[in-house]
Amino acid sequence: MTIDERLDRLTERHEALTQSVELLLRTTEANSSQIARNAELIAKNATHIAALVRVAESHDNRISGLEGQQ
């Protein structure tokens, strides 16, 4: 194998590696964006769940109070 052939082969490998890294970077950026969005949704859901817990506790207290009056 001549030096030119080796350089061509090395260049091809370098280009393939560059493309792989670019794809990995795009995928990582997309994943980071989705993770941030998921974190927002989790926080929002946690707020809603806490509100539902308060409603359930309020109803439970009301039912217990009504049962205690009988």
Protein backbone atom coordinates (compact mmCIF):
# COMPACT_ATOMS: atom_id res chain seq x y z
CA MET A 1 0.00 0.00 0.00
CA THR A 2 1.44 3.35 -1.03
CA ILE A 3 1.57 6.45 1.14
CA ASP A 4 -1.14 8.08 -0.99
CA GLU A 5 -3.43 5.09 -0.49
CA ARG A 6 -2.80 5.18 3.23
CA LEU A 7 -3.54 8.91 3.35
CA ASP A 8 -6.74 8.40 1.37
CA ARG A 9 -7.81 5.65 3.73
CA LEU A 10 -6.96 7.76 6.76
CA THR A 11 -8.92 10.69 5.29
CA GLU A 12 -11.96 8.46 4.74
CA ARG A 13 -11.79 7.22 8.31
CA HIS A 14 -11.43 10.76 9.58
CA GLU A 15 -14.49 11.88 7.60
CA ALA A 16 -16.51 8.91 8.86
CA LEU A 17 -15.48 9.69 12.44
CA THR A 18 -16.38 13.35 11.98
CA GLN A 19 -19.84 12.40 10.71
CA SER A 20 -20.34 10.02 13.63
CA VAL A 21 -19.39 12.70 16.13
CA GLU A 22 -21.73 15.21 14.47
CA LEU A 23 -24.61 12.71 14.64
CA LEU A 24 -23.81 11.96 18.27
CA LEU A 25 -23.77 15.68 19.05
CA ARG A 26 -27.18 16.23 17.42
CA THR A 27 -28.63 13.23 19.22
CA THR A 28 -27.23 14.42 22.54
CA GLU A 29 -28.67 17.91 22.01
CA ALA A 30 -32.08 16.45 21.14
CA ASN A 31 -31.96 14.21 24.21
CA SER A 32 -30.98 17.13 26.43
CA SER A 33 -33.93 19.15 25.16
CA GLN A 34 -36.30 16.25 25.75
CA ILE A 35 -34.91 15.67 29.25
CA ALA A 36 -35.47 19.34 30.09
CA ARG A 37 -39.04 19.14 28.78
CA ASN A 38 -39.67 15.95 30.76
CA ALA A 39 -38.36 17.63 33.92
CA GLU A 40 -40.85 20.48 33.39
CA LEU A 41 -43.70 18.02 32.92
CA ILE A 42 -42.70 16.05 36.02
CA ALA A 43 -42.65 19.23 38.11
CA LYS A 44 -46.07 20.23 36.73
CA ASN A 45 -47.48 16.77 37.45
CA ALA A 46 -46.06 16.84 40.97
CA THR A 47 -47.91 20.12 41.57
CA HIS A 48 -51.16 18.63 40.30
CA ILE A 49 -50.70 15.50 42.38
CA ALA A 50 -50.09 17.59 45.50
CA ALA A 51 -53.31 19.50 44.80
CA LEU A 52 -55.21 16.23 44.38
CA VAL A 53 -53.78 14.93 47.66
CA ARG A 54 -55.03 18.07 49.44
CA VAL A 55 -58.51 17.59 47.94
CA ALA A 56 -58.55 13.91 48.94
CA GLU A 57 -57.42 14.75 52.48
CA SER A 58 -60.08 17.45 52.72
CA HIS A 59 -62.78 15.02 51.60
CA ASP A 60 -61.50 12.38 53.98
CA ASN A 61 -61.60 14.85 56.88
CA ARG A 62 -65.14 15.91 55.90
CA ILE A 63 -66.33 12.29 55.70
CA SER A 64 -64.69 11.50 59.05
CA GLY A 65 -66.39 14.54 60.55
CA LEU A 66 -69.78 13.51 59.17
CA GLU A 67 -69.34 9.97 60.45
CA GLY A 68 -68.37 11.31 63.88
CA GLN A 69 -71.56 13.36 64.11
CA GLN A 70 -73.82 10.36 63.64
